[in-house]
């Protein structure tokens, strides 16, 4: 990962997270996240009862959804 990418991810950013609803339709939501460069891990900030949390896994566990797509765009 380049220095410019690390710097970009260190900024407070908003991403979109897309998961699939039980009926197979996409659920797209804006999420805040933090980037842990030492672990190469993005932590999505959300409420445990939200659709995005239920679709991706329980608090503290890795993403378990078979299909998910985070998108982060710079300005």
PDB file of N, CA and C in Angstrom:
ATOM      1  N   UNK A   1       0.854  -1.162   0.000  1.00  0.00           N
ATOM      2  CA  UNK A   1       0.000   0.000   0.000  1.00  0.00           C
ATOM      3  C   UNK A   1       0.907   1.233   0.000  1.00  0.00           C
ATOM      4  N   UNK A   2       0.607   2.170  -0.859  1.00  0.00           N
ATOM      5  CA  UNK A   2       1.433   3.367  -0.976  1.00  0.00           C
ATOM      6  C   UNK A   2       1.179   4.324   0.184  1.00  0.00           C
ATOM      7  N   UNK A   3       2.095   5.231   0.390  1.00  0.00           N
ATOM      8  CA  UNK A   3       1.949   6.230   1.440  1.00  0.00           C
ATOM      9  C   UNK A   3       0.727   7.104   1.244  1.00  0.00           C
ATOM     10  N   UNK A   4       0.419   7.437  -0.015  1.00  0.00           N
ATOM     11  CA  UNK A   4      -0.756   8.279  -0.265  1.00  0.00           C
ATOM     12  C   UNK A   4      -2.050   7.540   0.073  1.00  0.00           C
ATOM     13  N   UNK A   5      -2.099   6.236  -0.162  1.00  0.00           N
ATOM     14  CA  UNK A   5      -3.284   5.445   0.200  1.00  0.00           C
ATOM     15  C   UNK A   5      -3.403   5.372   1.715  1.00  0.00           C
ATOM     16  N   UNK A   6      -2.294   5.143   2.413  1.00  0.00           N
ATOM     17  CA  UNK A   6      -2.317   5.105   3.885  1.00  0.00           C
ATOM     18  C   UNK A   6      -2.791   6.446   4.447  1.00  0.00           C
ATOM     19  N   UNK A   7      -2.307   7.537   3.884  1.00  0.00           N
ATOM     20  CA  UNK A   7      -2.728   8.870   4.332  1.00  0.00           C
ATOM     21  C   UNK A   7      -4.216   9.084   4.082  1.00  0.00           C
ATOM     22  N   UNK A   8      -4.679   8.663   2.916  1.00  0.00           N
ATOM     23  CA  UNK A   8      -6.097   8.788   2.573  1.00  0.00           C
ATOM     24  C   UNK A   8      -6.959   8.031   3.575  1.00  0.00           C
ATOM     25  N   UNK A   9      -6.582   6.781   3.883  1.00  0.00           N
ATOM     26  CA  UNK A   9      -7.376   5.964   4.799  1.00  0.00           C
ATOM     27  C   UNK A   9      -7.296   6.440   6.247  1.00  0.00           C
ATOM     28  N   UNK A  10      -6.281   7.222   6.586  1.00  0.00           N
ATOM     29  CA  UNK A  10      -6.142   7.746   7.945  1.00  0.00           C
ATOM     30  C   UNK A  10      -7.100   8.906   8.209  1.00  0.00           C
ATOM     31  N   UNK A  11      -7.648   9.494   7.151  1.00  0.00           N
ATOM     32  CA  UNK A  11      -8.588  10.605   7.289  1.00  0.00           C
ATOM     33  C   UNK A  11      -9.958  10.097   7.726  1.00  0.00           C
ATOM     34  N   UNK A  12     -10.757  10.957   8.383  1.00  0.00           N
ATOM     35  CA  UNK A  12     -12.141  10.557   8.703  1.00  0.00           C
ATOM     36  C   UNK A  12     -12.947  10.509   7.402  1.00  0.00           C
ATOM     37  N   UNK A  13     -13.393   9.338   7.044  1.00  0.00           N
ATOM     38  CA  UNK A  13     -14.075   9.135   5.767  1.00  0.00           C
ATOM     39  C   UNK A  13     -15.426   8.464   5.954  1.00  0.00           C
ATOM     40  N   UNK A  14     -16.237   8.577   4.934  1.00  0.00           N
ATOM     41  CA  UNK A  14     -17.505   7.853   4.868  1.00  0.00           C
ATOM     42  C   UNK A  14     -17.397   6.922   3.673  1.00  0.00           C
ATOM     43  N   UNK A  15     -17.860   5.707   3.842  1.00  0.00           N
ATOM     44  CA  UNK A  15     -17.875   4.718   2.764  1.00  0.00           C
ATOM     45  C   UNK A  15     -19.312   4.273   2.550  1.00  0.00           C
ATOM     46  N   UNK A  16     -19.562   3.624   1.440  1.00  0.00           N
ATOM     47  CA  UNK A  16     -20.844   2.939   1.277  1.00  0.00           C
ATOM     48  C   UNK A  16     -20.582   1.455   1.419  1.00  0.00           C
ATOM     49  N   UNK A  17     -21.498   0.782   2.068  1.00  0.00           N
ATOM     50  CA  UNK A  17     -21.402  -0.658   2.249  1.00  0.00           C
ATOM     51  C   UNK A  17     -22.643  -1.281   1.635  1.00  0.00           C
ATOM     52  N   UNK A  18     -22.435  -2.195   0.718  1.00  0.00           N
ATOM     53  CA  UNK A  18     -23.553  -2.867   0.055  1.00  0.00           C
ATOM     54  C   UNK A  18     -23.579  -4.326   0.478  1.00  0.00           C
ATOM     55  N   UNK A  19     -24.724  -4.767   0.979  1.00  0.00           N
ATOM     56  CA  UNK A  19     -24.951  -6.168   1.321  1.00  0.00           C
ATOM     57  C   UNK A  19     -26.267  -6.584   0.674  1.00  0.00           C
ATOM     58  N   UNK A  20     -26.578  -7.844   0.758  1.00  0.00           N
ATOM     59  CA  UNK A  20     -27.835  -8.337   0.195  1.00  0.00           C
ATOM     60  C   UNK A  20     -28.862  -8.561   1.290  1.00  0.00           C
ATOM     61  N   UNK A  21     -30.083  -8.101   1.031  1.00  0.00           N
ATOM     62  CA  UNK A  21     -31.200  -8.371   1.931  1.00  0.00           C
ATOM     63  C   UNK A  21     -31.594  -9.841   1.780  1.00  0.00           C
ATOM     64  N   UNK A  22     -32.406 -10.336   2.717  1.00  0.00           N
ATOM     65  CA  UNK A  22     -32.849 -11.738   2.617  1.00  0.00           C
ATOM     66  C   UNK A  22     -33.521 -12.079   1.285  1.00  0.00           C
ATOM     67  N   UNK A  23     -34.186 -11.076   0.660  1.00  0.00           N
ATOM     68  CA  UNK A  23     -34.845 -11.344  -0.624  1.00  0.00           C
ATOM     69  C   UNK A  23     -33.889 -11.236  -1.811  1.00  0.00           C
ATOM     70  N   UNK A  24     -32.602 -10.936  -1.542  1.00  0.00           N
ATOM     71  CA  UNK A  24     -31.604 -10.858  -2.596  1.00  0.00           C
ATOM     72  C   UNK A  24     -31.391  -9.464  -3.165  1.00  0.00           C
ATOM     73  N   UNK A  25     -32.208  -8.495  -2.768  1.00  0.00           N
ATOM     74  CA  UNK A  25     -32.038  -7.130  -3.272  1.00  0.00           C
ATOM     75  C   UNK A  25     -30.895  -6.441  -2.515  1.00  0.00           C
ATOM     76  N   UNK A  26     -30.230  -5.479  -3.160  1.00  0.00           N
ATOM     77  CA  UNK A  26     -29.102  -4.817  -2.504  1.00  0.00           C
ATOM     78  C   UNK A  26     -29.562  -3.841  -1.424  1.00  0.00           C
ATOM     79  N   UNK A  27     -28.786  -3.753  -0.373  1.00  0.00           N
ATOM     80  CA  UNK A  27     -28.994  -2.769   0.688  1.00  0.00           C
ATOM     81  C   UNK A  27     -27.718  -1.940   0.738  1.00  0.00           C
ATOM     82  N   UNK A  28     -27.827  -0.655   0.393  1.00  0.00           N
ATOM     83  CA  UNK A  28     -26.670   0.236   0.335  1.00  0.00           C
ATOM     84  C   UNK A  28     -26.823   1.284   1.435  1.00  0.00           C
ATOM     85  N   UNK A  29     -25.780   1.438   2.245  1.00  0.00           N
ATOM     86  CA  UNK A  29     -25.846   2.386   3.355  1.00  0.00           C
ATOM     87  C   UNK A  29     -24.498   3.098   3.497  1.00  0.00           C
ATOM     88  N   UNK A  30     -24.556   4.377   3.855  1.00  0.00           N
ATOM     89  CA  UNK A  30     -23.336   5.125   4.159  1.00  0.00           C
ATOM     90  C   UNK A  30     -22.874   4.736   5.557  1.00  0.00           C
ATOM     91  N   UNK A  31     -21.591   4.462   5.703  1.00  0.00           N
ATOM     92  CA  UNK A  31     -21.041   4.076   7.004  1.00  0.00           C
ATOM     93  C   UNK A  31     -19.752   4.846   7.268  1.00  0.00           C
ATOM     94  N   UNK A  32     -19.502   5.108   8.523  1.00  0.00           N
ATOM     95  CA  UNK A  32     -18.208   5.626   8.952  1.00  0.00           C
ATOM     96  C   UNK A  32     -17.327   4.419   9.232  1.00  0.00           C
ATOM     97  N   UNK A  33     -16.028   4.589   9.115  1.00  0.00           N
ATOM     98  CA  UNK A  33     -15.129   3.486   9.416  1.00  0.00           C
ATOM     99  C   UNK A  33     -13.797   4.031   9.892  1.00  0.00           C
ATOM    100  N   UNK A  34     -13.051   3.184  10.553  1.00  0.00           N
ATOM    101  CA  UNK A  34     -11.670   3.506  10.913  1.00  0.00           C
ATOM    102  C   UNK A  34     -10.778   2.465  10.256  1.00  0.00           C
ATOM    103  N   UNK A  35      -9.564   2.865   9.933  1.00  0.00           N
ATOM    104  CA  UNK A  35      -8.609   1.976   9.271  1.00  0.00           C
ATOM    105  C   UNK A  35      -7.467   1.686  10.228  1.00  0.00           C
ATOM    106  N   UNK A  36      -7.194   0.423  10.480  1.00  0.00           N
ATOM    107  CA  UNK A  36      -6.059  -0.014  11.297  1.00  0.00           C
ATOM    108  C   UNK A  36      -4.999  -0.526  10.337  1.00  0.00           C
ATOM    109  N   UNK A  37      -4.043   0.339  10.013  1.00  0.00           N
ATOM    110  CA  UNK A  37      -3.009  -0.008   9.048  1.00  0.00           C
ATOM    111  C   UNK A  37      -2.104  -1.133   9.516  1.00  0.00           C
ATOM    112  N   UNK A  38      -1.883  -1.233  10.825  1.00  0.00           N
ATOM    113  CA  UNK A  38      -1.030  -2.305  11.352  1.00  0.00           C
ATOM    114  C   UNK A  38      -1.641  -3.677  11.106  1.00  0.00           C
ATOM    115  N   UNK A  39      -2.958  -3.756  11.177  1.00  0.00           N
ATOM    116  CA  UNK A  39      -3.650  -5.040  10.978  1.00  0.00           C
ATOM    117  C   UNK A  39      -4.254  -5.175   9.583  1.00  0.00           C
ATOM    118  N   UNK A  40      -4.255  -4.087   8.829  1.00  0.00           N
ATOM    119  CA  UNK A  40      -4.895  -4.125   7.509  1.00  0.00           C
ATOM    120  C   UNK A  40      -6.389  -4.355   7.626  1.00  0.00           C
ATOM    121  N   UNK A  41      -7.008  -3.704   8.631  1.00  0.00           N
ATOM    122  CA  UNK A  41      -8.415  -3.948   8.951  1.00  0.00           C
ATOM    123  C   UNK A  41      -9.217  -2.652   8.942  1.00  0.00           C
ATOM    124  N   UNK A  42     -10.353  -2.672   8.285  1.00  0.00           N
ATOM    125  CA  UNK A  42     -11.304  -1.563   8.359  1.00  0.00           C
ATOM    126  C   UNK A  42     -12.387  -1.949   9.355  1.00  0.00           C
ATOM    127  N   UNK A  43     -12.675  -1.055  10.284  1.00  0.00           N
ATOM    128  CA  UNK A  43     -13.740  -1.284  11.262  1.00  0.00           C
ATOM    129  C   UNK A  43     -14.913  -0.386  10.906  1.00  0.00           C
ATOM    130  N   UNK A  44     -16.040  -1.000  10.598  1.00  0.00           N
ATOM    131  CA  UNK A  44     -17.241  -0.263  10.231  1.00  0.00           C
ATOM    132  C   UNK A  44     -17.962   0.148  11.513  1.00  0.00           C
ATOM    133  N   UNK A  45     -18.314   1.431  11.603  1.00  0.00           N
ATOM    134  CA  UNK A  45     -19.020   1.955  12.764  1.00  0.00           C
ATOM    135  C   UNK A  45     -20.509   1.949  12.469  1.00  0.00           C
ATOM    136  N   UNK A  46     -21.245   1.157  13.218  1.00  0.00           N
ATOM    137  CA  UNK A  46     -22.679   1.040  13.012  1.00  0.00           C
ATOM    138  C   UNK A  46     -23.342   0.613  14.312  1.00  0.00           C
ATOM    139  N   UNK A  47     -24.642   0.557  14.317  1.00  0.00           N
ATOM    140  CA  UNK A  47     -25.414   0.130  15.481  1.00  0.00           C
ATOM    141  C   UNK A  47     -25.725  -1.358  15.322  1.00  0.00           C
ATOM    142  N   UNK A  48     -25.595  -2.128  16.394  1.00  0.00           N
ATOM    143  CA  UNK A  48     -25.754  -3.585  16.332  1.00  0.00           C
ATOM    144  C   UNK A  48     -27.095  -4.012  15.739  1.00  0.00           C
ATOM    145  N   UNK A  49     -28.146  -3.240  15.958  1.00  0.00           N
ATOM    146  CA  UNK A  49     -29.468  -3.623  15.462  1.00  0.00           C
ATOM    147  C   UNK A  49     -29.716  -3.224  14.006  1.00  0.00           C
ATOM    148  N   UNK A  50     -28.749  -2.563  13.369  1.00  0.00           N
ATOM    149  CA  UNK A  50     -28.965  -2.093  11.999  1.00  0.00           C
ATOM    150  C   UNK A  50     -28.920  -3.242  10.998  1.00  0.00           C
ATOM    151  N   UNK A  51     -29.523  -3.024   9.847  1.00  0.00           N
ATOM    152  CA  UNK A  51     -29.517  -4.020   8.768  1.00  0.00           C
ATOM    153  C   UNK A  51     -28.081  -4.332   8.355  1.00  0.00           C
ATOM    154  N   UNK A  52     -27.224  -3.299   8.240  1.00  0.00           N
ATOM    155  CA  UNK A  52     -25.848  -3.552   7.804  1.00  0.00           C
ATOM    156  C   UNK A  52     -25.096  -4.417   8.811  1.00  0.00           C
ATOM    157  N   UNK A  53     -25.311  -4.211  10.101  1.00  0.00           N
ATOM    158  CA  UNK A  53     -24.652  -5.055  11.114  1.00  0.00           C
ATOM    159  C   UNK A  53     -25.176  -6.485  11.041  1.00  0.00           C
ATOM    160  N   UNK A  54     -26.469  -6.640  10.902  1.00  0.00           N
ATOM    161  CA  UNK A  54     -27.045  -7.990  10.819  1.00  0.00           C
ATOM    162  C   UNK A  54     -26.581  -8.711   9.557  1.00  0.00           C
ATOM    163  N   UNK A  55     -26.380  -7.960   8.474  1.00  0.00           N
ATOM    164  CA  UNK A  55     -25.979  -8.577   7.207  1.00  0.00           C
ATOM    165  C   UNK A  55     -24.516  -8.980   7.178  1.00  0.00           C
ATOM    166  N   UNK A  56     -23.690  -8.333   7.987  1.00  0.00           N
ATOM    167  CA  UNK A  56     -22.255  -8.584   7.898  1.00  0.00           C
ATOM    168  C   UNK A  56     -21.690  -9.415   9.027  1.00  0.00           C
ATOM    169  N   UNK A  57     -22.371  -9.543  10.118  1.00  0.00           N
ATOM    170  CA  UNK A  57     -21.866 -10.316  11.254  1.00  0.00           C
ATOM    171  C   UNK A  57     -22.110  -9.583  12.554  1.00  0.00           C
ATOM    172  N   UNK A  58     -21.881 -10.253  13.652  1.00  0.00           N
ATOM    173  CA  UNK A  58     -22.111  -9.637  14.952  1.00  0.00           C
ATOM    174  C   UNK A  58     -20.942  -8.741  15.330  1.00  0.00           C
ATOM    175  N   UNK A  59     -21.133  -7.912  16.338  1.00  0.00           N
ATOM    176  CA  UNK A  59     -20.102  -6.977  16.783  1.00  0.00           C
ATOM    177  C   UNK A  59     -18.813  -7.718  17.116  1.00  0.00           C
ATOM    178  N   UNK A  60     -17.717  -7.208  16.609  1.00  0.00           N
ATOM    179  CA  UNK A  60     -16.415  -7.778  16.914  1.00  0.00           C
ATOM    180  C   UNK A  60     -16.013  -8.965  16.059  1.00  0.00           C
ATOM    181  N   UNK A  61     -16.899  -9.447  15.202  1.00  0.00           N
ATOM    182  CA  UNK A  61     -16.528 -10.584  14.356  1.00  0.00           C
ATOM    183  C   UNK A  61     -16.311 -10.104  12.927  1.00  0.00           C
ATOM    184  N   UNK A  62     -15.520 -10.826  12.167  1.00  0.00           N
ATOM    185  CA  UNK A  62     -15.260 -10.405  10.788  1.00  0.00           C
ATOM    186  C   UNK A  62     -16.509 -10.502   9.926  1.00  0.00           C
ATOM    187  N   UNK A  63     -16.468  -9.818   8.808  1.00  0.00           N
ATOM    188  CA  UNK A  63     -17.596  -9.878   7.870  1.00  0.00           C
ATOM    189  C   UNK A  63     -17.882 -11.320   7.491  1.00  0.00           C
ATOM    190  N   UNK A  64     -19.144 -11.703   7.607  1.00  0.00           N
ATOM    191  CA  UNK A  64     -19.516 -13.075   7.282  1.00  0.00           C
ATOM    192  C   UNK A  64     -20.451 -13.158   6.087  1.00  0.00           C
ATOM    193  N   UNK A  65     -20.891 -12.011   5.597  1.00  0.00           N
ATOM    194  CA  UNK A  65     -21.800 -12.035   4.460  1.00  0.00           C
ATOM    195  C   UNK A  65     -21.071 -12.582   3.234  1.00  0.00           C
ATOM    196  N   UNK A  66     -21.684 -13.503   2.497  1.00  0.00           N
ATOM    197  CA  UNK A  66     -21.008 -14.057   1.326  1.00  0.00           C
ATOM    198  C   UNK A  66     -20.769 -13.012   0.243  1.00  0.00           C
ATOM    199  N   UNK A  67     -21.619 -11.988   0.198  1.00  0.00           N
ATOM    200  CA  UNK A  67     -21.446 -10.919  -0.789  1.00  0.00           C
ATOM    201  C   UNK A  67     -21.589  -9.589  -0.080  1.00  0.00           C
ATOM    202  N   UNK A  68     -20.534  -8.796  -0.143  1.00  0.00           N
ATOM    203  CA  UNK A  68     -20.573  -7.440   0.381  1.00  0.00           C
ATOM    204  C   UNK A  68     -19.575  -6.621  -0.413  1.00  0.00           C
ATOM    205  N   UNK A  69     -19.794  -5.323  -0.463  1.00  0.00           N
ATOM    206  CA  UNK A  69     -18.923  -4.477  -1.268  1.00  0.00           C
ATOM    207  C   UNK A  69     -18.784  -3.102  -0.628  1.00  0.00           C
ATOM    208  N   UNK A  70     -17.644  -2.815   0.011  1.00  0.00           N
ATOM    209  CA  UNK A  70     -17.425  -1.457   0.499  1.00  0.00           C
ATOM    210  C   UNK A  70     -16.853  -0.580  -0.606  1.00  0.00           C
ATOM    211  N   UNK A  71     -17.243   0.681  -0.625  1.00  0.00           N
ATOM    212  CA  UNK A  71     -16.729   1.634  -1.605  1.00  0.00           C
ATOM    213  C   UNK A  71     -16.285   2.886  -0.870  1.00  0.00           C
ATOM    214  N   UNK A  72     -15.066   3.329  -1.113  1.00  0.00           N
ATOM    215  CA  UNK A  72     -14.527   4.528  -0.500  1.00  0.00           C
ATOM    216  C   UNK A  72     -14.046   5.413  -1.624  1.00  0.00           C
ATOM    217  N   UNK A  73     -14.516   6.667  -1.645  1.00  0.00           N
ATOM    218  CA  UNK A  73     -14.129   7.575  -2.716  1.00  0.00           C
ATOM    219  C   UNK A  73     -13.471   8.805  -2.123  1.00  0.00           C
ATOM    220  N   UNK A  74     -12.442   9.274  -2.768  1.00  0.00           N
ATOM    221  CA  UNK A  74     -11.767  10.490  -2.341  1.00  0.00           C
ATOM    222  C   UNK A  74     -12.233  11.683  -3.145  1.00  0.00           C
ATOM    223  N   UNK A  75     -12.073  12.850  -2.567  1.00  0.00           N
ATOM    224  CA  UNK A  75     -12.514  14.055  -3.242  1.00  0.00           C
ATOM    225  C   UNK A  75     -11.400  14.771  -3.766  1.00  0.00           C
TER     226      UNK A  75
END
